[in-house]
PDB file of N, CA and C in Angstrom:
ATOM      1  N   MET A   1       0.799  -1.122   0.030  1.00  0.00           N
ATOM      2  CA  MET A   1       0.044  -0.065   0.028  1.00  0.00           C
ATOM      3  C   MET A   1       0.892   1.196   0.045  1.00  0.00           C
ATOM      4  N   VAL A   2       0.594   2.122  -0.834  1.00  0.00           N
ATOM      5  CA  VAL A   2       1.247   3.467  -1.011  1.00  0.00           C
ATOM      6  C   VAL A   2       0.357   4.540  -0.931  1.00  0.00           C
ATOM      7  N   CYS A   3       0.654   5.448  -0.102  1.00  0.00           N
ATOM      8  CA  CYS A   3      -0.229   6.718  -0.103  1.00  0.00           C
ATOM      9  C   CYS A   3       0.298   7.666  -1.250  1.00  0.00           C
ATOM     10  N   ILE A   4      -0.666   7.932  -2.212  1.00  0.00           N
ATOM     11  CA  ILE A   4      -0.340   8.737  -3.354  1.00  0.00           C
ATOM     12  C   ILE A   4      -0.791  10.178  -3.272  1.00  0.00           C
ATOM     13  N   ASP A   5      -1.723  10.475  -2.297  1.00  0.00           N
ATOM     14  CA  ASP A   5      -2.185  11.906  -2.239  1.00  0.00           C
ATOM     15  C   ASP A   5      -2.704  12.112  -0.744  1.00  0.00           C
ATOM     16  N   LYS A   6      -2.265  13.069  -0.162  1.00  0.00           N
ATOM     17  CA  LYS A   6      -2.609  13.544   1.272  1.00  0.00           C
ATOM     18  C   LYS A   6      -2.603  15.084   1.209  1.00  0.00           C
ATOM     19  N   SER A   7      -2.817  15.718   0.045  1.00  0.00           N
ATOM     20  CA  SER A   7      -2.833  17.136  -0.027  1.00  0.00           C
ATOM     21  C   SER A   7      -3.870  17.916   0.507  1.00  0.00           C
ATOM     22  N   ARG A   8      -5.068  17.202   0.661  1.00  0.00           N
ATOM     23  CA  ARG A   8      -6.303  17.852   1.051  1.00  0.00           C
ATOM     24  C   ARG A   8      -6.489  17.411   2.591  1.00  0.00           C
ATOM     25  N   THR A   9      -6.804  18.364   3.437  1.00  0.00           N
ATOM     26  CA  THR A   9      -7.076  17.948   4.885  1.00  0.00           C
ATOM     27  C   THR A   9      -8.324  17.027   4.945  1.00  0.00           C
ATOM     28  N   GLY A  10      -8.039  16.004   5.642  1.00  0.00           N
ATOM     29  CA  GLY A  10      -9.114  15.030   5.833  1.00  0.00           C
ATOM     30  C   GLY A  10      -9.387  13.971   4.723  1.00  0.00           C
ATOM     31  N   THR A  11      -8.452  13.981   3.737  1.00  0.00           N
ATOM     32  CA  THR A  11      -8.620  13.175   2.585  1.00  0.00           C
ATOM     33  C   THR A  11      -7.262  12.470   2.260  1.00  0.00           C
ATOM     34  N   THR A  12      -7.316  11.100   2.020  1.00  0.00           N
ATOM     35  CA  THR A  12      -6.044  10.509   1.413  1.00  0.00           C
ATOM     36  C   THR A  12      -6.438   9.516   0.391  1.00  0.00           C
ATOM     37  N   THR A  13      -5.554   9.255  -0.552  1.00  0.00           N
ATOM     38  CA  THR A  13      -5.733   8.342  -1.681  1.00  0.00           C
ATOM     39  C   THR A  13      -4.535   7.405  -1.606  1.00  0.00           C
ATOM     40  N   TRP A  14      -4.830   6.024  -1.667  1.00  0.00           N
ATOM     41  CA  TRP A  14      -3.942   5.006  -1.519  1.00  0.00           C
ATOM     42  C   TRP A  14      -3.963   4.081  -2.821  1.00  0.00           C
ATOM     43  N   ARG A  15      -2.823   3.380  -3.097  1.00  0.00           N
ATOM     44  CA  ARG A  15      -2.839   2.361  -4.194  1.00  0.00           C
ATOM     45  C   ARG A  15      -2.177   1.132  -3.752  1.00  0.00           C
ATOM     46  N   MET A  16      -2.758   0.033  -4.247  1.00  0.00           N
ATOM     47  CA  MET A  16      -2.175  -1.362  -3.887  1.00  0.00           C
ATOM     48  C   MET A  16      -2.387  -2.242  -5.057  1.00  0.00           C
ATOM     49  N   LEU A  17      -1.369  -2.948  -5.477  1.00  0.00           N
ATOM     50  CA  LEU A  17      -1.418  -4.016  -6.455  1.00  0.00           C
ATOM     51  C   LEU A  17      -2.022  -5.179  -5.705  1.00  0.00           C
ATOM     52  N   ALA A  18      -3.114  -5.762  -6.305  1.00  0.00           N
ATOM     53  CA  ALA A  18      -3.731  -6.891  -5.747  1.00  0.00           C
ATOM     54  C   ALA A  18      -2.887  -8.201  -5.988  1.00  0.00           C
ATOM     55  N   ASP A  19      -1.953  -8.442  -5.124  1.00  0.00           N
ATOM     56  CA  ASP A  19      -0.993  -9.491  -5.262  1.00  0.00           C
ATOM     57  C   ASP A  19      -1.585 -10.825  -4.994  1.00  0.00           C
ATOM     58  N   GLU A  20      -1.156 -11.929  -5.540  1.00  0.00           N
ATOM     59  CA  GLU A  20      -1.625 -13.271  -5.387  1.00  0.00           C
ATOM     60  C   GLU A  20      -1.573 -13.776  -3.926  1.00  0.00           C
ATOM     61  N   ARG A  21      -0.728 -13.234  -3.226  1.00  0.00           N
ATOM     62  CA  ARG A  21      -0.460 -13.522  -1.778  1.00  0.00           C
ATOM     63  C   ARG A  21      -1.720 -13.206  -0.909  1.00  0.00           C
ATOM     64  N   PHE A  22      -2.546 -12.225  -1.411  1.00  0.00           N
ATOM     65  CA  PHE A  22      -3.745 -11.835  -0.800  1.00  0.00           C
ATOM     66  C   PHE A  22      -4.949 -12.448  -1.400  1.00  0.00           C
ATOM     67  N   ALA A  23      -4.834 -13.554  -2.059  1.00  0.00           N
ATOM     68  CA  ALA A  23      -5.955 -14.132  -2.827  1.00  0.00           C
ATOM     69  C   ALA A  23      -6.576 -15.346  -2.040  1.00  0.00           C
ATOM     70  N   ASN A  24      -7.808 -15.512  -2.294  1.00  0.00           N
ATOM     71  CA  ASN A  24      -8.553 -16.683  -1.721  1.00  0.00           C
ATOM     72  C   ASN A  24      -8.376 -17.788  -2.780  1.00  0.00           C
ATOM     73  N   PRO A  25      -8.913 -18.929  -2.531  1.00  0.00           N
ATOM     74  CA  PRO A  25      -8.649 -20.163  -3.489  1.00  0.00           C
ATOM     75  C   PRO A  25      -9.220 -19.807  -4.958  1.00  0.00           C
ATOM     76  N   VAL A  26     -10.177 -19.069  -5.070  1.00  0.00           N
ATOM     77  CA  VAL A  26     -10.760 -18.762  -6.497  1.00  0.00           C
ATOM     78  C   VAL A  26     -10.133 -17.561  -7.133  1.00  0.00           C
ATOM     79  N   GLY A  27      -9.084 -16.975  -6.550  1.00  0.00           N
ATOM     80  CA  GLY A  27      -8.350 -15.862  -7.183  1.00  0.00           C
ATOM     81  C   GLY A  27      -8.664 -14.481  -6.984  1.00  0.00           C
ATOM     82  N   ASN A  28      -9.569 -14.276  -5.993  1.00  0.00           N
ATOM     83  CA  ASN A  28     -10.030 -12.969  -5.672  1.00  0.00           C
ATOM     84  C   ASN A  28      -9.344 -12.620  -4.319  1.00  0.00           C
ATOM     85  N   VAL A  29      -9.158 -11.166  -4.150  1.00  0.00           N
ATOM     86  CA  VAL A  29      -8.563 -10.661  -2.949  1.00  0.00           C
ATOM     87  C   VAL A  29      -9.436 -10.901  -1.862  1.00  0.00           C
ATOM     88  N   GLN A  30      -8.854 -11.530  -0.824  1.00  0.00           N
ATOM     89  CA  GLN A  30      -9.774 -11.652   0.453  1.00  0.00           C
ATOM     90  C   GLN A  30     -10.267 -10.358   1.033  1.00  0.00           C
ATOM     91  N   GLY A  31     -11.447 -10.506   1.499  1.00  0.00           N
ATOM     92  CA  GLY A  31     -12.091  -9.317   2.019  1.00  0.00           C
ATOM     93  C   GLY A  31     -11.337  -8.667   3.320  1.00  0.00           C
ATOM     94  N   GLY A  32     -10.637  -9.345   3.977  1.00  0.00           N
ATOM     95  CA  GLY A  32      -9.896  -8.842   4.982  1.00  0.00           C
ATOM     96  C   GLY A  32      -8.763  -7.910   4.678  1.00  0.00           C
ATOM     97  N   PHE A  33      -8.142  -8.196   3.444  1.00  0.00           N
ATOM     98  CA  PHE A  33      -7.039  -7.383   2.887  1.00  0.00           C
ATOM     99  C   PHE A  33      -7.665  -6.097   2.362  1.00  0.00           C
ATOM    100  N   LEU A  34      -8.846  -6.160   1.833  1.00  0.00           N
ATOM    101  CA  LEU A  34      -9.493  -4.961   1.349  1.00  0.00           C
ATOM    102  C   LEU A  34      -9.916  -4.071   2.468  1.00  0.00           C
ATOM    103  N   ALA A  35     -10.321  -4.664   3.626  1.00  0.00           N
ATOM    104  CA  ALA A  35     -10.720  -3.905   4.870  1.00  0.00           C
ATOM    105  C   ALA A  35      -9.526  -3.228   5.400  1.00  0.00           C
ATOM    106  N   ALA A  36      -8.398  -4.006   5.440  1.00  0.00           N
ATOM    107  CA  ALA A  36      -7.073  -3.382   5.952  1.00  0.00           C
ATOM    108  C   ALA A  36      -6.720  -2.232   5.040  1.00  0.00           C
ATOM    109  N   PHE A  37      -6.909  -2.304   3.807  1.00  0.00           N
ATOM    110  CA  PHE A  37      -6.532  -1.266   2.818  1.00  0.00           C
ATOM    111  C   PHE A  37      -7.383  -0.039   3.169  1.00  0.00           C
ATOM    112  N   ALA A  38      -8.638  -0.229   3.268  1.00  0.00           N
ATOM    113  CA  ALA A  38      -9.597   0.877   3.564  1.00  0.00           C
ATOM    114  C   ALA A  38      -9.237   1.433   4.841  1.00  0.00           C
ATOM    115  N   ASP A  39      -8.981   0.571   5.955  1.00  0.00           N
ATOM    116  CA  ASP A  39      -8.624   1.163   7.244  1.00  0.00           C
ATOM    117  C   ASP A  39      -7.405   1.922   7.197  1.00  0.00           C
ATOM    118  N   SER A  40      -6.241   1.607   6.442  1.00  0.00           N
ATOM    119  CA  SER A  40      -5.154   2.413   6.421  1.00  0.00           C
ATOM    120  C   SER A  40      -5.448   3.768   5.809  1.00  0.00           C
ATOM    121  N   ALA A  41      -6.198   3.803   4.736  1.00  0.00           N
ATOM    122  CA  ALA A  41      -6.634   5.128   4.122  1.00  0.00           C
ATOM    123  C   ALA A  41      -7.418   5.916   5.065  1.00  0.00           C
ATOM    124  N   MET A  42      -8.408   5.398   5.632  1.00  0.00           N
ATOM    125  CA  MET A  42      -9.273   6.049   6.601  1.00  0.00           C
ATOM    126  C   MET A  42      -8.555   6.575   7.797  1.00  0.00           C
ATOM    127  N   GLY A  43      -7.690   5.812   8.400  1.00  0.00           N
ATOM    128  CA  GLY A  43      -6.901   6.178   9.583  1.00  0.00           C
ATOM    129  C   GLY A  43      -5.983   7.373   9.167  1.00  0.00           C
ATOM    130  N   ALA A  44      -5.371   7.341   8.095  1.00  0.00           N
ATOM    131  CA  ALA A  44      -4.477   8.437   7.610  1.00  0.00           C
ATOM    132  C   ALA A  44      -5.271   9.670   7.464  1.00  0.00           C
ATOM    133  N   ALA A  45      -6.503   9.602   6.771  1.00  0.00           N
ATOM    134  CA  ALA A  45      -7.373  10.684   6.516  1.00  0.00           C
ATOM    135  C   ALA A  45      -7.788  11.352   7.934  1.00  0.00           C
ATOM    136  N   SER A  46      -7.982  10.457   8.939  1.00  0.00           N
ATOM    137  CA  SER A  46      -8.426  11.072  10.193  1.00  0.00           C
ATOM    138  C   SER A  46      -7.188  11.915  10.861  1.00  0.00           C
ATOM    139  N   VAL A  47      -6.054  11.422  10.587  1.00  0.00           N
ATOM    140  CA  VAL A  47      -4.829  12.074  11.158  1.00  0.00           C
ATOM    141  C   VAL A  47      -4.642  13.421  10.493  1.00  0.00           C
ATOM    142  N   THR A  48      -4.885  13.466   9.152  1.00  0.00           N
ATOM    143  CA  THR A  48      -4.682  14.785   8.453  1.00  0.00           C
ATOM    144  C   THR A  48      -5.921  15.762   8.853  1.00  0.00           C
ATOM    145  N   TRP A  49      -7.022  15.199   9.257  1.00  0.00           N
ATOM    146  CA  TRP A  49      -8.103  16.013   9.718  1.00  0.00           C
ATOM    147  C   TRP A  49      -7.755  16.823  10.862  1.00  0.00           C
ATOM    148  N   ALA A  50      -6.862  16.272  11.748  1.00  0.00           N
ATOM    149  CA  ALA A  50      -6.395  17.017  12.963  1.00  0.00           C
ATOM    150  C   ALA A  50      -5.565  18.149  12.694  1.00  0.00           C
ATOM    151  N   LYS A  51      -5.183  18.440  11.492  1.00  0.00           N
ATOM    152  CA  LYS A  51      -4.310  19.647  11.062  1.00  0.00           C
ATOM    153  C   LYS A  51      -3.118  19.757  11.835  1.00  0.00           C
ATOM    154  N   ASP A  52      -2.945  20.803  12.572  1.00  0.00           N
ATOM    155  CA  ASP A  52      -1.684  21.057  13.189  1.00  0.00           C
ATOM    156  C   ASP A  52      -1.546  20.312  14.554  1.00  0.00           C
ATOM    157  N   ARG A  53      -2.645  19.650  15.047  1.00  0.00           N
ATOM    158  CA  ARG A  53      -2.521  18.802  16.245  1.00  0.00           C
ATOM    159  C   ARG A  53      -1.876  17.542  15.915  1.00  0.00           C
ATOM    160  N   LYS A  54      -0.911  17.005  16.744  1.00  0.00           N
ATOM    161  CA  LYS A  54      -0.388  15.644  16.678  1.00  0.00           C
ATOM    162  C   LYS A  54      -1.362  14.670  17.467  1.00  0.00           C
ATOM    163  N   VAL A  55      -1.941  13.714  16.675  1.00  0.00           N
ATOM    164  CA  VAL A  55      -2.847  12.781  17.448  1.00  0.00           C
ATOM    165  C   VAL A  55      -2.455  11.393  17.027  1.00  0.00           C
ATOM    166  N   PHE A  56      -2.899  10.448  17.875  1.00  0.00           N
ATOM    167  CA  PHE A  56      -3.104   9.056  17.557  1.00  0.00           C
ATOM    168  C   PHE A  56      -4.513   8.915  17.105  1.00  0.00           C
ATOM    169  N   SER A  57      -4.659   7.922  16.106  1.00  0.00           N
ATOM    170  CA  SER A  57      -6.030   7.789  15.653  1.00  0.00           C
ATOM    171  C   SER A  57      -6.216   6.197  15.827  1.00  0.00           C
ATOM    172  N   ALA A  58      -7.320   5.878  16.587  1.00  0.00           N
ATOM    173  CA  ALA A  58      -7.591   4.523  16.694  1.00  0.00           C
ATOM    174  C   ALA A  58      -9.047   4.214  16.288  1.00  0.00           C
ATOM    175  N   ASN A  59      -9.065   3.067  15.499  1.00  0.00           N
ATOM    176  CA  ASN A  59     -10.366   2.671  14.846  1.00  0.00           C
ATOM    177  C   ASN A  59     -11.245   2.227  15.988  1.00  0.00           C
ATOM    178  N   ALA A  60     -12.394   2.656  16.058  1.00  0.00           N
ATOM    179  CA  ALA A  60     -13.299   2.247  17.181  1.00  0.00           C
ATOM    180  C   ALA A  60     -14.326   1.304  16.723  1.00  0.00           C
ATOM    181  N   GLU A  61     -14.756   1.468  15.388  1.00  0.00           N
ATOM    182  CA  GLU A  61     -15.636   0.431  14.681  1.00  0.00           C
ATOM    183  C   GLU A  61     -15.538   0.683  13.231  1.00  0.00           C
ATOM    184  N   MET A  62     -15.872  -0.389  12.530  1.00  0.00           N
ATOM    185  CA  MET A  62     -15.776  -0.248  11.017  1.00  0.00           C
ATOM    186  C   MET A  62     -16.794  -1.041  10.385  1.00  0.00           C
ATOM    187  N   LYS A  63     -17.401  -0.723   9.239  1.00  0.00           N
ATOM    188  CA  LYS A  63     -18.364  -1.398   8.437  1.00  0.00           C
ATOM    189  C   LYS A  63     -17.747  -1.400   6.960  1.00  0.00           C
ATOM    190  N   ILE A  64     -17.849  -2.544   6.301  1.00  0.00           N
ATOM    191  CA  ILE A  64     -17.382  -2.665   4.914  1.00  0.00           C
ATOM    192  C   ILE A  64     -18.394  -3.343   4.209  1.00  0.00           C
ATOM    193  N   SER A  65     -18.748  -2.934   2.928  1.00  0.00           N
ATOM    194  CA  SER A  65     -19.587  -3.570   1.927  1.00  0.00           C
ATOM    195  C   SER A  65     -18.727  -3.923   0.709  1.00  0.00           C
ATOM    196  N   PHE A  66     -18.977  -5.123   0.140  1.00  0.00           N
ATOM    197  CA  PHE A  66     -18.171  -5.511  -1.027  1.00  0.00           C
ATOM    198  C   PHE A  66     -19.236  -5.613  -2.113  1.00  0.00           C
ATOM    199  N   PHE A  67     -18.830  -4.992  -3.333  1.00  0.00           N
ATOM    200  CA  PHE A  67     -19.649  -4.932  -4.403  1.00  0.00           C
ATOM    201  C   PHE A  67     -19.267  -5.925  -5.576  1.00  0.00           C
ATOM    202  N   ARG A  68     -18.048  -6.019  -5.687  1.00  0.00           N
ATOM    203  CA  ARG A  68     -17.543  -7.066  -6.807  1.00  0.00           C
ATOM    204  C   ARG A  68     -16.180  -7.616  -6.357  1.00  0.00           C
ATOM    205  N   PRO A  69     -15.750  -8.673  -6.982  1.00  0.00           N
ATOM    206  CA  PRO A  69     -14.374  -9.240  -6.697  1.00  0.00           C
ATOM    207  C   PRO A  69     -13.284  -8.373  -7.043  1.00  0.00           C
ATOM    208  N   ALA A  70     -12.333  -8.287  -6.266  1.00  0.00           N
ATOM    209  CA  ALA A  70     -10.987  -7.628  -6.641  1.00  0.00           C
ATOM    210  C   ALA A  70     -10.090  -8.697  -7.221  1.00  0.00           C
ATOM    211  N   ARG A  71      -9.899  -8.730  -8.360  1.00  0.00           N
ATOM    212  CA  ARG A  71      -9.027  -9.745  -9.078  1.00  0.00           C
ATOM    213  C   ARG A  71      -7.564  -9.518  -8.827  1.00  0.00           C
ATOM    214  N   VAL A  72      -6.823 -10.652  -8.639  1.00  0.00           N
ATOM    215  CA  VAL A  72      -5.420 -10.553  -8.487  1.00  0.00           C
ATOM    216  C   VAL A  72      -4.830 -10.042  -9.812  1.00  0.00           C
ATOM    217  N   GLY A  73      -3.882  -9.160  -9.635  1.00  0.00           N
ATOM    218  CA  GLY A  73      -3.194  -8.468 -10.732  1.00  0.00           C
ATOM    219  C   GLY A  73      -3.772  -7.139 -10.886  1.00  0.00           C
ATOM    220  N   SER A  74      -4.910  -6.771 -10.466  1.00  0.00           N
ATOM    221  CA  SER A  74      -5.461  -5.440 -10.742  1.00  0.00           C
ATOM    222  C   SER A  74      -4.839  -4.439  -9.821  1.00  0.00           C
ATOM    223  N   MET A  75      -4.836  -3.075 -10.165  1.00  0.00           N
ATOM    224  CA  MET A  75      -4.364  -2.118  -9.322  1.00  0.00           C
ATOM    225  C   MET A  75      -5.596  -1.462  -8.545  1.00  0.00           C
ATOM    226  N   LEU A  76      -5.584  -1.460  -7.354  1.00  0.00           N
ATOM    227  CA  LEU A  76      -6.747  -0.998  -6.454  1.00  0.00           C
ATOM    228  C   LEU A  76      -6.384   0.466  -5.989  1.00  0.00           C
ATOM    229  N   THR A  77      -7.353   1.244  -5.931  1.00  0.00           N
ATOM    230  CA  THR A  77      -7.178   2.571  -5.381  1.00  0.00           C
ATOM    231  C   THR A  77      -8.301   2.814  -4.342  1.00  0.00           C
ATOM    232  N   CYS A  78      -7.930   3.375  -3.172  1.00  0.00           N
ATOM    233  CA  CYS A  78      -8.774   3.681  -2.151  1.00  0.00           C
ATOM    234  C   CYS A  78      -8.649   5.159  -1.845  1.00  0.00           C
ATOM    235  N   THR A  79      -9.884   5.853  -1.855  1.00  0.00           N
ATOM    236  CA  THR A  79      -9.896   7.198  -1.412  1.00  0.00           C
ATOM    237  C   THR A  79     -10.751   7.345  -0.155  1.00  0.00           C
ATOM    238  N   ALA A  80     -10.165   7.930   0.841  1.00  0.00           N
ATOM    239  CA  ALA A  80     -10.813   8.046   2.130  1.00  0.00           C
ATOM    240  C   ALA A  80     -11.052   9.535   2.492  1.00  0.00           C
ATOM    241  N   GLN A  81     -12.216   9.852   3.053  1.00  0.00           N
ATOM    242  CA  GLN A  81     -12.520  11.233   3.437  1.00  0.00           C
ATOM    243  C   GLN A  81     -13.263  11.308   4.770  1.00  0.00           C
ATOM    244  N   VAL A  82     -12.815  12.280   5.639  1.00  0.00           N
ATOM    245  CA  VAL A  82     -13.516  12.704   6.773  1.00  0.00           C
ATOM    246  C   VAL A  82     -14.812  13.235   6.520  1.00  0.00           C
ATOM    247  N   VAL A  83     -15.934  12.737   6.945  1.00  0.00           N
ATOM    248  CA  VAL A  83     -17.224  13.371   6.587  1.00  0.00           C
ATOM    249  C   VAL A  83     -17.701  14.195   7.655  1.00  0.00           C
ATOM    250  N   ALA A  84     -17.271  13.923   8.946  1.00  0.00           N
ATOM    251  CA  ALA A  84     -17.658  14.786   9.983  1.00  0.00           C
ATOM    252  C   ALA A  84     -16.574  14.482  11.153  1.00  0.00           C
ATOM    253  N   GLY A  85     -16.438  15.429  12.023  1.00  0.00           N
ATOM    254  CA  GLY A  85     -15.426  15.261  13.176  1.00  0.00           C
ATOM    255  C   GLY A  85     -15.252  16.471  14.020  1.00  0.00           C
ATOM    256  N   GLY A  86     -14.568  16.138  15.015  1.00  0.00           N
ATOM    257  CA  GLY A  86     -14.209  17.149  15.984  1.00  0.00           C
ATOM    258  C   GLY A  86     -12.970  16.872  16.641  1.00  0.00           C
ATOM    259  N   ASN A  87     -12.802  17.304  17.969  1.00  0.00           N
ATOM    260  CA  ASN A  87     -11.522  17.149  18.602  1.00  0.00           C
ATOM    261  C   ASN A  87     -11.202  15.689  19.049  1.00  0.00           C
ATOM    262  N   LEU A  88     -12.299  14.931  19.316  1.00  0.00           N
ATOM    263  CA  LEU A  88     -12.084  13.624  19.887  1.00  0.00           C
ATOM    264  C   LEU A  88     -12.386  12.450  18.895  1.00  0.00           C
ATOM    265  N   ALA A  89     -13.191  12.773  17.852  1.00  0.00           N
ATOM    266  CA  ALA A  89     -13.555  11.641  16.925  1.00  0.00           C
ATOM    267  C   ALA A  89     -13.610  12.225  15.535  1.00  0.00           C
ATOM    268  N   ALA A  90     -13.442  11.324  14.575  1.00  0.00           N
ATOM    269  CA  ALA A  90     -13.698  11.607  13.053  1.00  0.00           C
ATOM    270  C   ALA A  90     -14.463  10.424  12.549  1.00  0.00           C
ATOM    271  N   PHE A  91     -15.313  10.838  11.726  1.00  0.00           N
ATOM    272  CA  PHE A  91     -16.191   9.846  11.056  1.00  0.00           C
ATOM    273  C   PHE A  91     -15.750   9.830   9.570  1.00  0.00           C
ATOM    274  N   VAL A  92     -15.321   8.612   9.021  1.00  0.00           N
ATOM    275  CA  VAL A  92     -14.655   8.551   7.810  1.00  0.00           C
ATOM    276  C   VAL A  92     -15.281   7.589   6.924  1.00  0.00           C
ATOM    277  N   GLU A  93     -15.299   7.842   5.611  1.00  0.00           N
ATOM    278  CA  GLU A  93     -15.732   6.888   4.647  1.00  0.00           C
ATOM    279  C   GLU A  93     -14.701   6.556   3.565  1.00  0.00           C
ATOM    280  N   ALA A  94     -14.710   5.480   2.997  1.00  0.00           N
ATOM    281  CA  ALA A  94     -13.748   5.135   1.948  1.00  0.00           C
ATOM    282  C   ALA A  94     -14.346   4.432   0.799  1.00  0.00           C
ATOM    283  N   GLU A  95     -13.808   4.462  -0.379  1.00  0.00           N
ATOM    284  CA  GLU A  95     -14.146   3.872  -1.512  1.00  0.00           C
ATOM    285  C   GLU A  95     -13.055   3.158  -2.207  1.00  0.00           C
ATOM    286  N   VAL A  96     -13.139   1.858  -2.462  1.00  0.00           N
ATOM    287  CA  VAL A  96     -12.107   1.160  -3.239  1.00  0.00           C
ATOM    288  C   VAL A  96     -12.624   0.797  -4.653  1.00  0.00           C
ATOM    289  N   VAL A  97     -11.709   1.178  -5.652  1.00  0.00           N
ATOM    290  CA  VAL A  97     -12.075   1.002  -7.023  1.00  0.00           C
ATOM    291  C   VAL A  97     -10.955   0.103  -7.565  1.00  0.00           C
ATOM    292  N   ASP A  98     -11.303  -0.605  -8.721  1.00  0.00           N
ATOM    293  CA  ASP A  98     -10.278  -1.300  -9.431  1.00  0.00           C
ATOM    294  C   ASP A  98      -9.671  -0.508 -10.534  1.00  0.00           C
ATOM    295  N   ASP A  99      -8.725  -1.176 -11.363  1.00  0.00           N
ATOM    296  CA  ASP A  99      -8.021  -0.357 -12.383  1.00  0.00           C
ATOM    297  C   ASP A  99      -9.008   0.099 -13.567  1.00  0.00           C
ATOM    298  N   GLU A 100     -10.183  -0.482 -13.570  1.00  0.00           N
ATOM    299  CA  GLU A 100     -11.163  -0.062 -14.586  1.00  0.00           C
ATOM    300  C   GLU A 100     -12.148   1.035 -13.932  1.00  0.00           C
ATOM    301  N   GLY A 101     -11.912   1.466 -12.785  1.00  0.00           N
ATOM    302  CA  GLY A 101     -12.705   2.381 -12.059  1.00  0.00           C
ATOM    303  C   GLY A 101     -14.064   1.851 -11.504  1.00  0.00           C
ATOM    304  N   LYS A 102     -14.160   0.575 -11.490  1.00  0.00           N
ATOM    305  CA  LYS A 102     -15.360  -0.018 -10.994  1.00  0.00           C
ATOM    306  C   LYS A 102     -15.297  -0.188  -9.552  1.00  0.00           C
ATOM    307  N   LYS A 103     -16.280   0.150  -8.676  1.00  0.00           N
ATOM    308  CA  LYS A 103     -16.479   0.146  -7.321  1.00  0.00           C
ATOM    309  C   LYS A 103     -16.275  -1.377  -6.839  1.00  0.00           C
ATOM    310  N   VAL A 104     -15.273  -1.583  -5.849  1.00  0.00           N
ATOM    311  CA  VAL A 104     -15.139  -2.887  -5.431  1.00  0.00           C
ATOM    312  C   VAL A 104     -15.599  -2.949  -3.987  1.00  0.00           C
ATOM    313  N   ALA A 105     -15.413  -1.916  -3.225  1.00  0.00           N
ATOM    314  CA  ALA A 105     -15.866  -1.902  -1.832  1.00  0.00           C
ATOM    315  C   ALA A 105     -16.117  -0.482  -1.269  1.00  0.00           C
ATOM    316  N   ARG A 106     -16.952  -0.341  -0.223  1.00  0.00           N
ATOM    317  CA  ARG A 106     -17.108   0.953   0.468  1.00  0.00           C
ATOM    318  C   ARG A 106     -17.097   0.589   1.936  1.00  0.00           C
ATOM    319  N   ALA A 107     -16.372   1.528   2.677  1.00  0.00           N
ATOM    320  CA  ALA A 107     -16.265   1.238   4.200  1.00  0.00           C
ATOM    321  C   ALA A 107     -16.622   2.663   4.849  1.00  0.00           C
ATOM    322  N   SER A 108     -17.029   2.427   6.135  1.00  0.00           N
ATOM    323  CA  SER A 108     -17.184   3.669   6.878  1.00  0.00           C
ATOM    324  C   SER A 108     -16.631   3.168   8.406  1.00  0.00           C
ATOM    325  N   SER A 109     -16.237   4.312   9.054  1.00  0.00           N
ATOM    326  CA  SER A 109     -15.498   3.965  10.292  1.00  0.00           C
ATOM    327  C   SER A 109     -15.529   5.168  11.227  1.00  0.00           C
ATOM    328  N   THR A 110     -15.385   4.900  12.525  1.00  0.00           N
ATOM    329  CA  THR A 110     -15.280   6.075  13.559  1.00  0.00           C
ATOM    330  C   THR A 110     -13.805   5.847  14.157  1.00  0.00           C
ATOM    331  N   TYR A 111     -13.107   6.929  14.087  1.00  0.00           N
ATOM    332  CA  TYR A 111     -11.679   6.967  14.713  1.00  0.00           C
ATOM    333  C   TYR A 111     -11.747   7.944  15.985  1.00  0.00           C
ATOM    334  N   LEU A 112     -11.136   7.386  16.951  1.00  0.00           N
ATOM    335  CA  LEU A 112     -10.902   8.147  18.182  1.00  0.00           C
ATOM    336  C   LEU A 112      -9.483   8.838  18.090  1.00  0.00           C
ATOM    337  N   LEU A 113      -9.535  10.192  18.350  1.00  0.00           N
ATOM    338  CA  LEU A 113      -8.302  10.943  18.255  1.00  0.00           C
ATOM    339  C   LEU A 113      -7.781  11.329  19.652  1.00  0.00           C
ATOM    340  N   THR A 114      -6.646  10.817  19.945  1.00  0.00           N
ATOM    341  CA  THR A 114      -6.107  11.240  21.311  1.00  0.00           C
ATOM    342  C   THR A 114      -4.731  12.050  20.981  1.00  0.00           C
ATOM    343  N   PRO A 115      -4.418  13.063  21.864  1.00  0.00           N
ATOM    344  CA  PRO A 115      -3.299  13.831  21.646  1.00  0.00           C
ATOM    345  C   PRO A 115      -1.927  12.994  21.872  1.00  0.00           C
ATOM    346  N   ARG A 116      -0.933  13.413  21.073  1.00  0.00           N
ATOM    347  CA  ARG A 116       0.376  12.645  21.296  1.00  0.00           C
ATOM    348  C   ARG A 116       1.411  13.868  21.364  1.00  0.00           C
ATOM    349  N   SER A 117       2.404  13.558  22.019  1.00  0.00           N
ATOM    350  CA  SER A 117       3.477  14.750  22.165  1.00  0.00           C
ATOM    351  C   SER A 117       4.539  14.579  21.165  1.00  0.00           C
TER     352      SER A 117
END
């Protein structure tokens, strides 16, 4: 996973090659890897939401829906955006698309923000 854009506050975009190591027996990326991909993007988005504050971001809950298989060999892109938030929590959504721009998954999560020094 590589972060390719974090230029906008509260938004990050990540890319990942769907490697065969992440495949189930029928050749699709396992849902847990897609969830981890979305979690990484959403967690990073919540940290950028904090702007000048240094914070730890902890996932408190997460929901993910899968729309189509992510095939091994495809390049996946995940864009995450904070949709609401404050000093203690950020509510974040993410969308994963394949290299054809087709929606693979959508996730939402709540992140708890705690100060760090």
